[in-house]
C-alpha atoms as a PDB file:
ATOM      1  CA  MET A   1       8.143 184.450  97.003  1.00  0.00           C
ATOM      2  CA  PRO A   2      10.708 182.654  94.799  1.00  0.00           C
ATOM      3  CA  PHE A   3       9.520 180.343  92.067  1.00  0.00           C
ATOM      4  CA  ASP A   4       9.968 176.782  93.337  1.00  0.00           C
ATOM      5  CA  THR A   5      11.004 174.181  90.757  1.00  0.00           C
ATOM      6  CA  LEU A   6      13.835 171.731  90.330  1.00  0.00           C
ATOM      7  CA  VAL A   7      16.237 172.462  87.484  1.00  0.00           C
ATOM      8  CA  GLU A   8      16.754 169.122  85.780  1.00  0.00           C
ATOM      9  CA  GLN A   9      19.298 168.072  83.184  1.00  0.00           C
ATOM     10  CA  HIS A  10      16.946 168.631  80.248  1.00  0.00           C
ATOM     11  CA  HIS A  11      16.349 172.221  81.431  1.00  0.00           C
ATOM     12  CA  LYS A  12      20.098 172.845  81.455  1.00  0.00           C
ATOM     13  CA  LEU A  13      20.547 171.409  77.978  1.00  0.00           C
ATOM     14  CA  THR A  14      17.572 173.351  76.604  1.00  0.00           C
ATOM     15  CA  PHE A  15      18.816 176.628  78.037  1.00  0.00           C
ATOM     16  CA  ALA A  16      22.354 176.125  76.742  1.00  0.00           C
ATOM     17  CA  ALA A  17      21.217 175.184  73.233  1.00  0.00           C
ATOM     18  CA  ASN A  18      18.663 177.984  72.937  1.00  0.00           C
ATOM     19  CA  PHE A  19      21.048 180.578  74.304  1.00  0.00           C
ATOM     20  CA  MET A  20      23.718 179.680  71.757  1.00  0.00           C
ATOM     21  CA  LEU A  21      21.056 179.891  69.054  1.00  0.00           C
ATOM     22  CA  ALA A  22      20.121 183.375  70.298  1.00  0.00           C
ATOM     23  CA  THR A  23      23.768 184.486  70.089  1.00  0.00           C
ATOM     24  CA  GLN A  24      23.782 183.686  66.378  1.00  0.00           C
ATOM     25  CA  TYR A  25      21.382 186.595  65.908  1.00  0.00           C
ATOM     26  CA  LEU A  26      22.305 188.919  68.772  1.00  0.00           C
ATOM     27  CA  GLY A  27      25.859 187.918  69.639  1.00  0.00           C
ATOM     28  CA  PRO A  28      29.071 189.831  68.908  1.00  0.00           C
ATOM     29  CA  LYS A  29      29.229 191.675  65.593  1.00  0.00           C
ATOM     30  CA  LEU A  30      33.009 192.059  65.392  1.00  0.00           C
ATOM     31  CA  ARG A  31      34.097 188.520  66.312  1.00  0.00           C
ATOM     32  CA  PRO A  32      33.955 187.128  62.732  1.00  0.00           C
ATOM     33  CA  TRP A  33      36.377 189.872  61.659  1.00  0.00           C
ATOM     34  CA  VAL A  34      39.298 189.040  63.978  1.00  0.00           C
ATOM     35  CA  THR A  35      41.605 186.037  64.319  1.00  0.00           C
ATOM     36  CA  GLU A  36      40.823 183.681  67.213  1.00  0.00           C
ATOM     37  CA  GLN A  37      43.410 181.919  69.365  1.00  0.00           C
ATOM     38  CA  THR A  38      42.891 179.282  72.053  1.00  0.00           C
ATOM     39  CA  CYS A  39      44.704 180.278  75.266  1.00  0.00           C
ATOM     40  CA  ALA A  40      45.701 178.793  78.630  1.00  0.00           C
ATOM     41  CA  GLY A  41      47.513 180.036  81.715  1.00  0.00           C
ATOM     42  CA  GLU A  42      47.874 183.593  83.014  1.00  0.00           C
ATOM     43  CA  GLY A  43      49.225 184.878  79.715  1.00  0.00           C
ATOM     44  CA  ALA A  44      49.489 183.615  76.152  1.00  0.00           C
ATOM     45  CA  THR A  45      51.802 184.798  73.388  1.00  0.00           C
ATOM     46  CA  ALA A  46      49.844 186.590  70.691  1.00  0.00           C
ATOM     47  CA  ALA A  47      52.854 187.262  68.453  1.00  0.00           C
ATOM     48  CA  ASP A  48      56.636 187.309  68.403  1.00  0.00           C
ATOM     49  CA  LEU A  49      57.608 190.312  66.302  1.00  0.00           C
ATOM     50  CA  ILE A  50      60.960 190.937  64.668  1.00  0.00           C
ATOM     51  CA  ASP A  51      61.584 194.540  63.637  1.00  0.00           C
ATOM     52  CA  PRO A  52      63.087 195.208  60.197  1.00  0.00           C
ATOM     53  CA  VAL A  53      66.803 195.931  59.805  1.00  0.00           C
ATOM     54  CA  ASN A  54      68.769 197.683  57.101  1.00  0.00           C
ATOM     55  CA  TYR A  55      71.614 196.029  55.239  1.00  0.00           C
ATOM     56  CA  GLN A  56      75.268 196.885  55.872  1.00  0.00           C
ATOM     57  CA  ARG A  57      77.844 197.518  53.207  1.00  0.00           C
ATOM     58  CA  GLY A  58      80.684 195.099  53.721  1.00  0.00           C
ATOM     59  CA  SER A  59      84.404 195.347  53.136  1.00  0.00           C
ATOM     60  CA  GLY A  60      86.090 193.052  50.679  1.00  0.00           C
ATOM     61  CA  ARG A  61      89.033 192.485  53.013  1.00  0.00           C
ATOM     62  CA  ARG A  62      87.057 191.971  56.218  1.00  0.00           C
ATOM     63  CA  ARG A  63      87.425 188.502  57.752  1.00  0.00           C
ATOM     64  CA  SER A  64      84.890 188.837  60.586  1.00  0.00           C
ATOM     65  CA  ASN A  65      81.186 188.024  60.464  1.00  0.00           C
ATOM     66  CA  ILE A  66      78.812 190.943  60.749  1.00  0.00           C
ATOM     67  CA  GLU A  67      76.092 191.114  63.375  1.00  0.00           C
ATOM     68  CA  ASN A  68      72.934 192.811  62.239  1.00  0.00           C
ATOM     69  CA  VAL A  69      70.568 191.795  65.038  1.00  0.00           C
ATOM     70  CA  PRO A  70      66.915 192.904  64.730  1.00  0.00           C
ATOM     71  CA  ASN A  71      64.942 194.009  67.746  1.00  0.00           C
ATOM     72  CA  ARG A  72      62.479 191.378  68.959  1.00  0.00           C
ATOM     73  CA  ARG A  73      59.193 192.048  70.718  1.00  0.00           C
ATOM     74  CA  ARG A  74      56.497 189.826  72.170  1.00  0.00           C
ATOM     75  CA  ARG A  75      52.832 190.714  72.469  1.00  0.00           C
ATOM     76  CA  TRP A  76      50.579 189.077  75.006  1.00  0.00           C
ATOM     77  CA  LEU A  77      47.006 188.033  75.581  1.00  0.00           C
ATOM     78  CA  ILE A  78      46.166 188.262  79.287  1.00  0.00           C
ATOM     79  CA  TYR A  79      43.804 186.133  81.373  1.00  0.00           C
ATOM     80  CA  ARG A  80      41.239 188.710  82.477  1.00  0.00           C
ATOM     81  CA  ASP A  81      38.133 188.748  84.644  1.00  0.00           C
ATOM     82  CA  PRO A  82      35.129 187.147  82.933  1.00  0.00           C
ATOM     83  CA  LEU A  83      32.427 188.740  80.864  1.00  0.00           C
ATOM     84  CA  GLU A  84      29.208 187.621  82.499  1.00  0.00           C
ATOM     85  CA  THR A  85      25.470 188.061  82.803  1.00  0.00           C
ATOM     86  CA  GLY A  86      22.705 186.209  84.651  1.00  0.00           C
ATOM     87  CA  GLN A  87      19.514 186.413  86.676  1.00  0.00           C
ATOM     88  CA  TYR A  88      17.124 184.475  88.896  1.00  0.00           C
ATOM     89  CA  LEU A  89      14.062 182.903  87.285  1.00  0.00           C
ATOM     90  CA  ASP A  90      11.700 183.665  90.142  1.00  0.00           C
ATOM     91  CA  SER A  91       8.436 183.214  88.239  1.00  0.00           C
ATOM     92  CA  VAL A  92       6.933 180.596  85.968  1.00  0.00           C
ATOM     93  CA  ASP A  93       6.812 183.114  83.093  1.00  0.00           C
ATOM     94  CA  LYS A  94      10.549 183.745  83.266  1.00  0.00           C
ATOM     95  CA  PHE A  95      11.284 180.028  83.549  1.00  0.00           C
ATOM     96  CA  ARG A  96       9.303 179.253  80.397  1.00  0.00           C
ATOM     97  CA  MET A  97      11.325 181.796  78.396  1.00  0.00           C
ATOM     98  CA  ILE A  98      14.334 179.467  78.327  1.00  0.00           C
ATOM     99  CA  ASP A  99      12.384 177.241  75.925  1.00  0.00           C
ATOM    100  CA  ASP A 100      12.303 180.003  73.286  1.00  0.00           C
ATOM    101  CA  PRO A 101      15.579 181.369  71.829  1.00  0.00           C
ATOM    102  CA  GLY A 102      13.595 184.366  70.588  1.00  0.00           C
ATOM    103  CA  SER A 103      12.160 185.274  73.981  1.00  0.00           C
ATOM    104  CA  GLU A 104      12.968 188.675  75.404  1.00  0.00           C
ATOM    105  CA  LEU A 105      14.915 187.165  78.294  1.00  0.00           C
ATOM    106  CA  MET A 106      17.174 185.174  75.964  1.00  0.00           C
ATOM    107  CA  ARG A 107      17.603 188.103  73.584  1.00  0.00           C
ATOM    108  CA  VAL A 108      18.604 190.499  76.359  1.00  0.00           C
ATOM    109  CA  HIS A 109      21.301 188.242  77.792  1.00  0.00           C
ATOM    110  CA  ALA A 110      22.626 187.155  74.373  1.00  0.00           C
ATOM    111  CA  ALA A 111      22.969 190.808  73.408  1.00  0.00           C
ATOM    112  CA  ALA A 112      24.704 191.582  76.716  1.00  0.00           C
ATOM    113  CA  ILE A 113      27.400 188.951  76.309  1.00  0.00           C
ATOM    114  CA  GLY A 114      27.779 189.951  72.647  1.00  0.00           C
ATOM    115  CA  ARG A 115      28.406 193.567  73.631  1.00  0.00           C
ATOM    116  CA  GLY A 116      31.007 192.375  76.134  1.00  0.00           C
ATOM    117  CA  ILE A 117      32.938 190.499  73.452  1.00  0.00           C
ATOM    118  CA  ASP A 118      32.728 193.458  71.059  1.00  0.00           C
ATOM    119  CA  ASP A 119      34.046 195.769  73.791  1.00  0.00           C
ATOM    120  CA  THR A 120      36.906 193.333  74.433  1.00  0.00           C
ATOM    121  CA  ILE A 121      37.820 193.374  70.749  1.00  0.00           C
ATOM    122  CA  LEU A 122      37.642 197.172  70.635  1.00  0.00           C
ATOM    123  CA  GLY A 123      39.573 197.558  73.902  1.00  0.00           C
ATOM    124  CA  LEU A 124      36.782 199.235  75.904  1.00  0.00           C
ATOM    125  CA  ASP A 125      35.558 198.836  79.464  1.00  0.00           C
ATOM    126  CA  GLU A 126      31.913 198.248  80.399  1.00  0.00           C
ATOM    127  CA  ASP A 127      31.293 202.025  80.398  1.00  0.00           C
ATOM    128  CA  GLY A 128      32.507 202.415  76.830  1.00  0.00           C
ATOM    129  CA  ALA A 129      35.829 204.106  77.677  1.00  0.00           C
ATOM    130  CA  VAL A 130      39.084 203.058  75.979  1.00  0.00           C
ATOM    131  CA  ALA A 131      40.911 200.754  78.407  1.00  0.00           C
ATOM    132  CA  GLU A 132      43.272 197.809  77.879  1.00  0.00           C
ATOM    133  CA  GLY A 133      43.876 195.489  74.970  1.00  0.00           C
ATOM    134  CA  GLY A 134      41.922 195.212  71.774  1.00  0.00           C
ATOM    135  CA  ILE A 135      42.108 197.433  68.733  1.00  0.00           C
ATOM    136  CA  LEU A 136      42.077 200.789  70.514  1.00  0.00           C
ATOM    137  CA  GLY A 137      43.412 200.113  74.017  1.00  0.00           C
ATOM    138  CA  SER A 138      46.935 199.861  75.385  1.00  0.00           C
ATOM    139  CA  ILE A 139      48.446 196.429  74.751  1.00  0.00           C
ATOM    140  CA  VAL A 140      50.887 194.298  76.740  1.00  0.00           C
ATOM    141  CA  GLU A 141      54.345 193.941  75.211  1.00  0.00           C
ATOM    142  CA  GLY A 142      57.665 192.603  76.541  1.00  0.00           C
ATOM    143  CA  LYS A 143      59.501 189.429  77.473  1.00  0.00           C
ATOM    144  CA  ARG A 144      56.810 188.730  80.054  1.00  0.00           C
ATOM    145  CA  PRO A 145      53.422 190.240  80.917  1.00  0.00           C
ATOM    146  CA  GLY A 146      53.642 193.373  83.021  1.00  0.00           C
ATOM    147  CA  GLY A 147      54.810 196.953  82.792  1.00  0.00           C
ATOM    148  CA  ALA A 148      53.152 199.937  81.174  1.00  0.00           C
ATOM    149  CA  GLY A 149      50.791 199.324  78.282  1.00  0.00           C
ATOM    150  CA  VAL A 150      51.726 200.326  74.723  1.00  0.00           C
ATOM    151  CA  ALA A 151      49.277 202.777  73.178  1.00  0.00           C
ATOM    152  CA  LEU A 152      48.375 202.920  69.491  1.00  0.00           C
ATOM    153  CA  PRO A 153      50.855 205.321  67.823  1.00  0.00           C
ATOM    154  CA  GLY A 154      49.502 208.688  66.751  1.00  0.00           C
ATOM    155  CA  ALA A 155      50.597 208.032  63.168  1.00  0.00           C
ATOM    156  CA  GLN A 156      47.840 205.420  62.953  1.00  0.00           C
ATOM    157  CA  THR A 157      45.076 208.032  63.328  1.00  0.00           C
ATOM    158  CA  THR A 158      43.379 210.287  60.782  1.00  0.00           C
ATOM    159  CA  VAL A 159      42.110 213.299  62.736  1.00  0.00           C
ATOM    160  CA  HIS A 160      38.501 214.403  62.424  1.00  0.00           C
ATOM    161  CA  GLY A 161      39.068 217.757  60.687  1.00  0.00           C
ATOM    162  CA  ALA A 162      35.601 218.865  61.861  1.00  0.00           C
ATOM    163  CA  ALA A 163      34.020 216.505  59.315  1.00  0.00           C
ATOM    164  CA  GLY A 164      32.228 213.186  59.300  1.00  0.00           C
ATOM    165  CA  LEU A 165      33.283 210.132  57.313  1.00  0.00           C
ATOM    166  CA  THR A 166      34.580 211.200  53.908  1.00  0.00           C
ATOM    167  CA  ILE A 167      36.148 209.645  50.843  1.00  0.00           C
ATOM    168  CA  ALA A 168      39.355 211.543  51.579  1.00  0.00           C
ATOM    169  CA  LYS A 169      39.640 210.000  55.069  1.00  0.00           C
ATOM    170  CA  MET A 170      39.053 206.485  53.773  1.00  0.00           C
ATOM    171  CA  ARG A 171      41.617 206.995  51.013  1.00  0.00           C
ATOM    172  CA  LYS A 172      44.155 208.188  53.583  1.00  0.00           C
ATOM    173  CA  ALA A 173      43.513 205.166  55.836  1.00  0.00           C
ATOM    174  CA  ARG A 174      43.802 202.730  52.942  1.00  0.00           C
ATOM    175  CA  LYS A 175      47.016 204.398  51.754  1.00  0.00           C
ATOM    176  CA  ARG A 176      48.499 204.204  55.269  1.00  0.00           C
ATOM    177  CA  LEU A 177      47.679 200.499  55.557  1.00  0.00           C
ATOM    178  CA  GLY A 178      49.267 199.847  52.163  1.00  0.00           C
ATOM    179  CA  LEU A 179      52.420 201.815  52.963  1.00  0.00           C
ATOM    180  CA  ASP A 180      52.711 199.856  56.212  1.00  0.00           C
ATOM    181  CA  GLU A 181      53.251 196.664  54.181  1.00  0.00           C
ATOM    182  CA  ASN A 182      49.760 195.219  54.533  1.00  0.00           C
ATOM    183  CA  ASP A 183      48.918 193.163  51.443  1.00  0.00           C
ATOM    184  CA  LEU A 184      45.561 194.668  50.488  1.00  0.00           C
ATOM    185  CA  ASP A 185      45.296 192.280  47.530  1.00  0.00           C
ATOM    186  CA  ARG A 186      44.988 189.387  49.972  1.00  0.00           C
ATOM    187  CA  SER A 187      43.413 191.047  53.026  1.00  0.00           C
ATOM    188  CA  THR A 188      40.315 193.228  52.986  1.00  0.00           C
ATOM    189  CA  PRO A 189      40.320 196.025  55.574  1.00  0.00           C
ATOM    190  CA  VAL A 190      37.375 196.068  57.975  1.00  0.00           C
ATOM    191  CA  MET A 191      35.935 199.322  59.315  1.00  0.00           C
ATOM    192  CA  ALA A 192      33.595 199.624  62.284  1.00  0.00           C
ATOM    193  CA  ILE A 193      31.144 202.515  62.019  1.00  0.00           C
ATOM    194  CA  THR A 194      28.067 203.774  63.823  1.00  0.00           C
ATOM    195  CA  THR A 195      24.728 204.726  62.294  1.00  0.00           C
ATOM    196  CA  ASN A 196      26.013 208.297  61.845  1.00  0.00           C
ATOM    197  CA  GLN A 197      28.936 207.206  59.670  1.00  0.00           C
ATOM    198  CA  HIS A 198      26.656 204.882  57.730  1.00  0.00           C
ATOM    199  CA  ASP A 199      24.481 207.897  56.964  1.00  0.00           C
ATOM    200  CA  ASP A 200      27.614 209.686  55.717  1.00  0.00           C
ATOM    201  CA  LEU A 201      28.252 206.715  53.409  1.00  0.00           C
ATOM    202  CA  LEU A 202      24.712 206.866  52.054  1.00  0.00           C
ATOM    203  CA  GLY A 203      25.273 210.556  51.305  1.00  0.00           C
ATOM    204  CA  ILE A 204      28.481 209.705  49.429  1.00  0.00           C
ATOM    205  CA  VAL A 205      26.714 207.015  47.399  1.00  0.00           C
ATOM    206  CA  GLU A 206      23.760 209.297  46.673  1.00  0.00           C
ATOM    207  CA  THR A 207      26.052 212.036  45.383  1.00  0.00           C
ATOM    208  CA  ALA A 208      28.035 209.574  43.257  1.00  0.00           C
ATOM    209  CA  SER A 209      24.788 208.233  41.792  1.00  0.00           C
ATOM    210  CA  SER A 210      23.500 211.662  40.738  1.00  0.00           C
ATOM    211  CA  ASN A 211      24.360 211.016  37.075  1.00  0.00           C
ATOM    212  CA  LEU A 212      22.795 207.543  37.158  1.00  0.00           C
ATOM    213  CA  ASN A 213      19.336 206.207  37.862  1.00  0.00           C
ATOM    214  CA  MET A 214      19.536 206.275  41.682  1.00  0.00           C
ATOM    215  CA  LEU A 215      16.549 203.979  42.055  1.00  0.00           C
ATOM    216  CA  GLU A 216      18.526 201.230  40.322  1.00  0.00           C
ATOM    217  CA  GLN A 217      21.565 201.494  42.587  1.00  0.00           C
ATOM    218  CA  PRO A 218      21.752 198.633  45.151  1.00  0.00           C
ATOM    219  CA  HIS A 219      22.987 200.905  47.951  1.00  0.00           C
ATOM    220  CA  ILE A 220      19.995 203.201  47.475  1.00  0.00           C
ATOM    221  CA  ILE A 221      17.519 200.331  47.155  1.00  0.00           C
ATOM    222  CA  GLU A 222      18.735 198.507  50.258  1.00  0.00           C
ATOM    223  CA  GLY A 223      19.711 201.590  52.271  1.00  0.00           C
ATOM    224  CA  LYS A 224      22.838 199.679  53.293  1.00  0.00           C
ATOM    225  CA  VAL A 225      26.438 200.311  52.269  1.00  0.00           C
ATOM    226  CA  LYS A 226      28.472 197.156  52.851  1.00  0.00           C
ATOM    227  CA  ARG A 227      31.571 197.857  50.744  1.00  0.00           C
ATOM    228  CA  LEU A 228      33.247 200.982  49.410  1.00  0.00           C
ATOM    229  CA  LEU A 229      36.864 201.731  48.426  1.00  0.00           C
ATOM    230  CA  GLY A 230      37.778 198.157  49.326  1.00  0.00           C
ATOM    231  CA  PHE A 231      36.499 198.382  52.923  1.00  0.00           C
ATOM    232  CA  ASN A 232      34.005 196.043  54.581  1.00  0.00           C
ATOM    233  CA  PHE A 233      31.760 198.070  56.900  1.00  0.00           C
ATOM    234  CA  ILE A 234      30.405 196.726  60.187  1.00  0.00           C
ATOM    235  CA  GLU A 235      27.806 198.866  61.936  1.00  0.00           C
ATOM    236  CA  CYS A 236      28.456 198.895  65.675  1.00  0.00           C
ATOM    237  CA  ASN A 237      27.236 201.551  68.086  1.00  0.00           C
ATOM    238  CA  ARG A 238      29.831 200.608  70.747  1.00  0.00           C
ATOM    239  CA  LEU A 239      32.541 202.842  69.279  1.00  0.00           C
ATOM    240  CA  PRO A 240      34.010 205.364  71.749  1.00  0.00           C
ATOM    241  CA  LYS A 241      33.102 209.038  71.486  1.00  0.00           C
ATOM    242  CA  SER A 242      34.849 212.057  73.012  1.00  0.00           C
ATOM    243  CA  GLY A 243      32.744 215.198  72.779  1.00  0.00           C
ATOM    244  CA  THR A 244      31.612 215.290  69.166  1.00  0.00           C
ATOM    245  CA  THR A 245      34.441 213.047  67.896  1.00  0.00           C
ATOM    246  CA  ARG A 246      33.821 209.370  67.190  1.00  0.00           C
ATOM    247  CA  SER A 247      36.741 206.963  66.753  1.00  0.00           C
ATOM    248  CA  CYS A 248      36.111 204.495  63.925  1.00  0.00           C
ATOM    249  CA  PRO A 249      38.771 201.752  63.728  1.00  0.00           C
ATOM    250  CA  VAL A 250      39.978 200.139  60.530  1.00  0.00           C
ATOM    251  CA  TRP A 251      41.940 196.908  60.760  1.00  0.00           C
ATOM    252  CA  ILE A 252      43.235 193.829  58.991  1.00  0.00           C
ATOM    253  CA  LYS A 253      41.725 190.589  60.326  1.00  0.00           C
ATOM    254  CA  GLU A 254      45.081 188.853  60.707  1.00  0.00           C
ATOM    255  CA  LYS A 255      46.500 191.774  62.721  1.00  0.00           C
ATOM    256  CA  VAL A 256      43.957 191.603  65.587  1.00  0.00           C
ATOM    257  CA  LYS A 257      43.636 188.517  67.821  1.00  0.00           C
ATOM    258  CA  LEU A 258      40.898 187.379  70.174  1.00  0.00           C
ATOM    259  CA  GLY A 259      42.292 185.070  72.847  1.00  0.00           C
ATOM    260  CA  ILE A 260      39.791 182.562  74.226  1.00  0.00           C
ATOM    261  CA  TRP A 261      40.342 180.865  77.579  1.00  0.00           C
ATOM    262  CA  GLN A 262      36.672 179.889  77.801  1.00  0.00           C
ATOM    263  CA  ASP A 263      34.097 180.544  75.099  1.00  0.00           C
ATOM    264  CA  ILE A 264      30.510 181.554  75.835  1.00  0.00           C
ATOM    265  CA  LYS A 265      29.224 179.131  78.469  1.00  0.00           C
ATOM    266  CA  PRO A 266      25.505 179.165  79.430  1.00  0.00           C
ATOM    267  CA  GLN A 267      24.624 177.384  82.684  1.00  0.00           C
ATOM    268  CA  MET A 268      21.535 176.884  84.818  1.00  0.00           C
ATOM    269  CA  TRP A 269      21.053 175.631  88.368  1.00  0.00           C
ATOM    270  CA  ASN A 270      19.067 175.956  91.577  1.00  0.00           C
ATOM    271  CA  ASP A 271      20.696 178.419  93.981  1.00  0.00           C
ATOM    272  CA  THR A 272      20.516 176.778  97.395  1.00  0.00           C
ATOM    273  CA  HIS A 273      21.494 180.078  99.019  1.00  0.00           C
ATOM    274  CA  ALA A 274      18.436 181.821  97.564  1.00  0.00           C
ATOM    275  CA  ARG A 275      15.608 179.458  98.557  1.00  0.00           C
ATOM    276  CA  ASN A 276      16.565 177.049  95.788  1.00  0.00           C
ATOM    277  CA  THR A 277      15.463 179.580  93.141  1.00  0.00           C
ATOM    278  CA  PRO A 278      16.399 178.686  89.526  1.00  0.00           C
ATOM    279  CA  TYR A 279      19.261 180.783  88.234  1.00  0.00           C
ATOM    280  CA  ILE A 280      20.809 181.279  84.773  1.00  0.00           C
ATOM    281  CA  HIS A 281      24.389 182.428  84.235  1.00  0.00           C
ATOM    282  CA  VAL A 282      26.526 183.051  81.148  1.00  0.00           C
ATOM    283  CA  ASP A 283      30.220 183.878  81.117  1.00  0.00           C
ATOM    284  CA  ALA A 284      33.241 183.987  78.825  1.00  0.00           C
ATOM    285  CA  TYR A 285      36.965 184.470  79.478  1.00  0.00           C
ATOM    286  CA  MET A 286      38.565 186.411  76.620  1.00  0.00           C
ATOM    287  CA  ASP A 287      41.159 189.042  75.783  1.00  0.00           C
ATOM    288  CA  SER A 288      42.139 190.798  72.578  1.00  0.00           C
ATOM    289  CA  THR A 289      45.234 192.553  71.270  1.00  0.00           C
ATOM    290  CA  ARG A 290      46.761 194.111  68.197  1.00  0.00           C
ATOM    291  CA  VAL A 291      49.312 191.793  66.653  1.00  0.00           C
ATOM    292  CA  GLU A 292      50.926 194.746  64.885  1.00  0.00           C
ATOM    293  CA  ASP A 293      50.031 198.419  65.224  1.00  0.00           C
ATOM    294  CA  THR A 294      50.555 198.883  61.494  1.00  0.00           C
ATOM    295  CA  GLY A 295      47.556 196.633  60.860  1.00  0.00           C
ATOM    296  CA  VAL A 296      45.240 199.136  62.557  1.00  0.00           C
ATOM    297  CA  HIS A 297      44.143 202.666  61.683  1.00  0.00           C
ATOM    298  CA  VAL A 298      41.614 204.961  63.362  1.00  0.00           C
ATOM    299  CA  ILE A 299      39.472 207.444  61.449  1.00  0.00           C
ATOM    300  CA  GLU A 300      38.069 210.208  63.638  1.00  0.00           C
ATOM    301  CA  CYS A 301      34.645 211.473  62.604  1.00  0.00           C
ATOM    302  CA  THR A 302      32.780 214.545  63.835  1.00  0.00           C
ATOM    303  CA  GLU A 303      29.173 213.948  64.856  1.00  0.00           C
ATOM    304  CA  SER A 304      26.623 216.675  65.458  1.00  0.00           C
END
């Protein structure tokens, strides 16, 4: 039998406040590392890009003006179906959990919406497959939204080479980003990794520390590698995997946008179609895209 209580205004405010507090601990991990943009309408311009042109050698006797017109491209953020989660509170125990941001109910739903935002940023669907938008997916480009998506060029990938995460792969990714005119003095590349790649990093640090007192090295003491070779590392187990190959993206914050039509919105009400049972619901309307492909690189890593 459904739990019978009236959801009052103070319940709604309590749930909303506590849920947002829970997202501070269990919300999206990648959101702080991309650029946010407020959006409206069916599509919003993420960037107007002008391709480079080469100079022309003029003639001293020419009287006409030259035309050296660069190609222009527009990239879009698209209004997509919402990310959402929710459930009925059909017992007094469940209803009381909204008063505690650390309760299991609040933690589960905060983590769910956080995973949805991370998948949007990565360009994955709810099953973890590469789909549309984001860092890895096909993006929308053209004078207007529509047409075939534009995939990340193959030149932006370092193949796995039957190895995990190595110094050589990170050096290659950093070199590629630098050659692609990313100012690495002003922008720090971010790399998303899973626990397996983090273990590879610990192995690299351990080997490098062999001639030092390892027990005095912060990476060994903490068991956490946060920076190496100028990369910030974010551990995220949402990264796509094909067979034994994991795709680990590297990107510049300014080159990836998160478009927000509606931010995380927690709500609570009595559902009159379900015996007036209290119901909680959280949704968010977001999309993500690469501003420029040259601001993104993918390192493939073999996992056993």
